[in-house]
């Protein structure tokens, strides 16, 4: 039996307001806020989160 790879990834994003970089889960089930200034960076949609910040890198 083959085990499939998970389709969800972690994403490194940058806040457009304060330029803070942080890592979030691609299928976040809660609103993701910047840890420094509190700006909303991503909102849950039921599947993949709607990212409102710049994606720097997708981490495997």
N, C-alpha and C. Protein backbone atom coordinates (compact mmCIF):
# COMPACT_ATOMS: atom_id res chain seq x y z
N UNK A 1 0.84 -1.18 0.00
CA UNK A 1 0.00 0.00 0.00
C UNK A 1 0.89 1.24 0.00
N UNK A 2 0.62 2.16 -0.91
CA UNK A 2 1.43 3.38 -1.04
C UNK A 2 0.82 4.51 -0.22
N UNK A 3 1.67 5.20 0.51
CA UNK A 3 1.20 6.36 1.30
C UNK A 3 1.44 7.61 0.47
N UNK A 4 0.38 8.38 0.25
CA UNK A 4 0.52 9.58 -0.59
C UNK A 4 1.10 10.74 0.20
N UNK A 5 1.76 11.64 -0.54
CA UNK A 5 2.34 12.85 0.07
C UNK A 5 1.21 13.80 0.44
N UNK A 6 1.34 14.53 1.54
CA UNK A 6 0.31 15.51 1.87
C UNK A 6 0.35 16.68 0.90
N UNK A 7 -0.82 17.20 0.56
CA UNK A 7 -0.88 18.31 -0.40
C UNK A 7 -0.70 19.66 0.29
N UNK A 8 -0.72 19.68 1.60
CA UNK A 8 -0.59 20.93 2.33
C UNK A 8 0.88 21.23 2.61
N UNK A 9 1.23 22.50 2.55
CA UNK A 9 2.61 22.93 2.75
C UNK A 9 2.64 24.11 3.73
N UNK A 10 3.84 24.39 4.23
CA UNK A 10 4.06 25.60 5.00
C UNK A 10 4.55 26.68 4.04
N UNK A 11 4.17 27.92 4.30
CA UNK A 11 4.48 29.03 3.40
C UNK A 11 5.19 30.13 4.20
N UNK A 12 6.29 30.64 3.64
CA UNK A 12 6.97 31.79 4.25
C UNK A 12 6.42 33.04 3.59
N UNK A 13 5.88 33.95 4.40
CA UNK A 13 5.26 35.16 3.87
C UNK A 13 5.89 36.41 4.50
N UNK A 14 5.71 37.57 3.83
CA UNK A 14 6.24 38.84 4.34
C UNK A 14 5.08 39.82 4.48
N UNK A 15 5.00 40.45 5.64
CA UNK A 15 3.96 41.45 5.90
C UNK A 15 4.21 42.68 5.02
N UNK A 16 3.18 43.15 4.30
CA UNK A 16 3.37 44.33 3.45
C UNK A 16 3.53 45.63 4.25
N UNK A 17 3.11 45.62 5.50
CA UNK A 17 3.16 46.83 6.32
C UNK A 17 4.51 47.00 7.02
N UNK A 18 4.97 45.97 7.74
CA UNK A 18 6.19 46.12 8.54
C UNK A 18 7.35 45.26 8.04
N UNK A 19 7.14 44.51 6.95
CA UNK A 19 8.17 43.66 6.32
C UNK A 19 8.63 42.49 7.19
N UNK A 20 7.88 42.16 8.22
CA UNK A 20 8.21 40.99 9.05
C UNK A 20 7.97 39.72 8.23
N UNK A 21 8.89 38.75 8.35
CA UNK A 21 8.73 37.47 7.67
C UNK A 21 8.30 36.43 8.69
N UNK A 22 7.32 35.62 8.33
CA UNK A 22 6.89 34.55 9.21
C UNK A 22 6.39 33.38 8.38
N UNK A 23 6.23 32.24 9.05
CA UNK A 23 5.81 31.01 8.38
C UNK A 23 4.40 30.67 8.83
N UNK A 24 3.57 30.29 7.86
CA UNK A 24 2.19 29.89 8.16
C UNK A 24 1.88 28.59 7.44
N UNK A 25 0.82 27.93 7.87
CA UNK A 25 0.35 26.70 7.23
C UNK A 25 -0.52 27.07 6.04
N UNK A 26 -0.33 26.41 4.91
CA UNK A 26 -1.05 26.74 3.69
C UNK A 26 -2.56 26.58 3.79
N UNK A 27 -3.02 25.66 4.65
CA UNK A 27 -4.46 25.44 4.83
C UNK A 27 -4.87 25.90 6.23
N UNK A 28 -4.52 27.13 6.56
CA UNK A 28 -4.82 27.67 7.89
C UNK A 28 -6.33 27.70 8.13
N UNK A 29 -6.74 27.27 9.31
CA UNK A 29 -8.17 27.24 9.64
C UNK A 29 -8.57 28.44 10.50
N UNK A 30 -7.61 29.30 10.79
CA UNK A 30 -7.88 30.52 11.57
C UNK A 30 -7.19 31.69 10.86
N UNK A 31 -7.63 32.89 11.14
CA UNK A 31 -7.02 34.09 10.56
C UNK A 31 -5.57 34.19 11.03
N UNK A 32 -4.67 34.48 10.09
CA UNK A 32 -3.25 34.64 10.41
C UNK A 32 -2.93 36.12 10.45
N UNK A 33 -2.45 36.60 11.62
CA UNK A 33 -2.08 38.00 11.78
C UNK A 33 -0.57 38.13 11.88
N UNK A 34 -0.06 39.30 11.49
CA UNK A 34 1.36 39.57 11.64
C UNK A 34 1.70 39.59 13.13
N UNK A 35 2.82 38.96 13.47
CA UNK A 35 3.22 38.88 14.88
C UNK A 35 3.75 40.22 15.40
N UNK A 36 4.15 41.13 14.51
CA UNK A 36 4.70 42.42 14.91
C UNK A 36 3.63 43.51 14.94
N UNK A 37 2.95 43.72 13.80
CA UNK A 37 2.01 44.85 13.72
C UNK A 37 0.54 44.44 13.80
N UNK A 38 0.23 43.16 13.69
CA UNK A 38 -1.15 42.69 13.83
C UNK A 38 -1.98 42.72 12.57
N UNK A 39 -1.42 43.11 11.41
CA UNK A 39 -2.16 43.15 10.16
C UNK A 39 -2.58 41.74 9.75
N UNK A 40 -3.78 41.60 9.18
CA UNK A 40 -4.27 40.30 8.72
C UNK A 40 -3.49 39.90 7.46
N UNK A 41 -2.84 38.74 7.52
CA UNK A 41 -2.02 38.27 6.40
C UNK A 41 -2.71 37.16 5.61
N UNK A 42 -3.61 36.41 6.25
CA UNK A 42 -4.31 35.33 5.55
C UNK A 42 -5.63 35.04 6.26
N UNK A 43 -6.61 34.64 5.45
CA UNK A 43 -7.93 34.30 5.98
C UNK A 43 -8.29 32.87 5.57
N UNK A 44 -8.97 32.13 6.45
CA UNK A 44 -9.37 30.76 6.08
C UNK A 44 -10.50 30.77 5.06
N UNK A 45 -10.52 29.77 4.18
CA UNK A 45 -11.58 29.67 3.18
C UNK A 45 -12.28 28.31 3.22
N UNK A 46 -11.80 27.41 4.06
CA UNK A 46 -12.32 26.05 4.09
C UNK A 46 -11.35 25.08 3.45
N UNK A 47 -10.49 25.57 2.56
CA UNK A 47 -9.43 24.77 1.94
C UNK A 47 -8.14 25.51 2.16
N UNK A 48 -7.51 25.91 1.07
CA UNK A 48 -6.28 26.70 1.18
C UNK A 48 -6.64 28.10 1.66
N UNK A 49 -5.79 28.66 2.50
CA UNK A 49 -6.04 30.00 3.04
C UNK A 49 -5.84 31.06 1.95
N UNK A 50 -6.62 32.14 2.03
CA UNK A 50 -6.48 33.26 1.10
C UNK A 50 -5.38 34.17 1.65
N UNK A 51 -4.22 34.16 1.00
CA UNK A 51 -3.05 34.90 1.48
C UNK A 51 -3.09 36.33 0.96
N UNK A 52 -2.95 37.29 1.89
CA UNK A 52 -2.97 38.71 1.53
C UNK A 52 -1.59 39.35 1.67
N UNK A 53 -0.57 38.51 1.79
CA UNK A 53 0.80 38.99 1.94
C UNK A 53 1.63 38.38 0.81
N UNK A 54 2.86 38.84 0.68
CA UNK A 54 3.74 38.32 -0.37
C UNK A 54 4.30 36.97 0.05
N UNK A 55 4.14 35.98 -0.83
CA UNK A 55 4.68 34.65 -0.58
C UNK A 55 6.15 34.65 -1.01
N UNK A 56 7.04 34.38 -0.06
CA UNK A 56 8.47 34.36 -0.36
C UNK A 56 8.95 32.99 -0.79
N UNK A 57 8.37 31.95 -0.15
CA UNK A 57 8.88 30.61 -0.39
C UNK A 57 7.85 29.59 0.08
N UNK A 58 7.77 28.47 -0.63
CA UNK A 58 6.93 27.36 -0.19
C UNK A 58 7.87 26.29 0.34
N UNK A 59 7.69 25.96 1.60
CA UNK A 59 8.59 25.02 2.27
C UNK A 59 8.07 23.60 2.12
N UNK A 60 8.92 22.70 1.71
CA UNK A 60 8.54 21.31 1.48
C UNK A 60 8.45 20.57 2.76
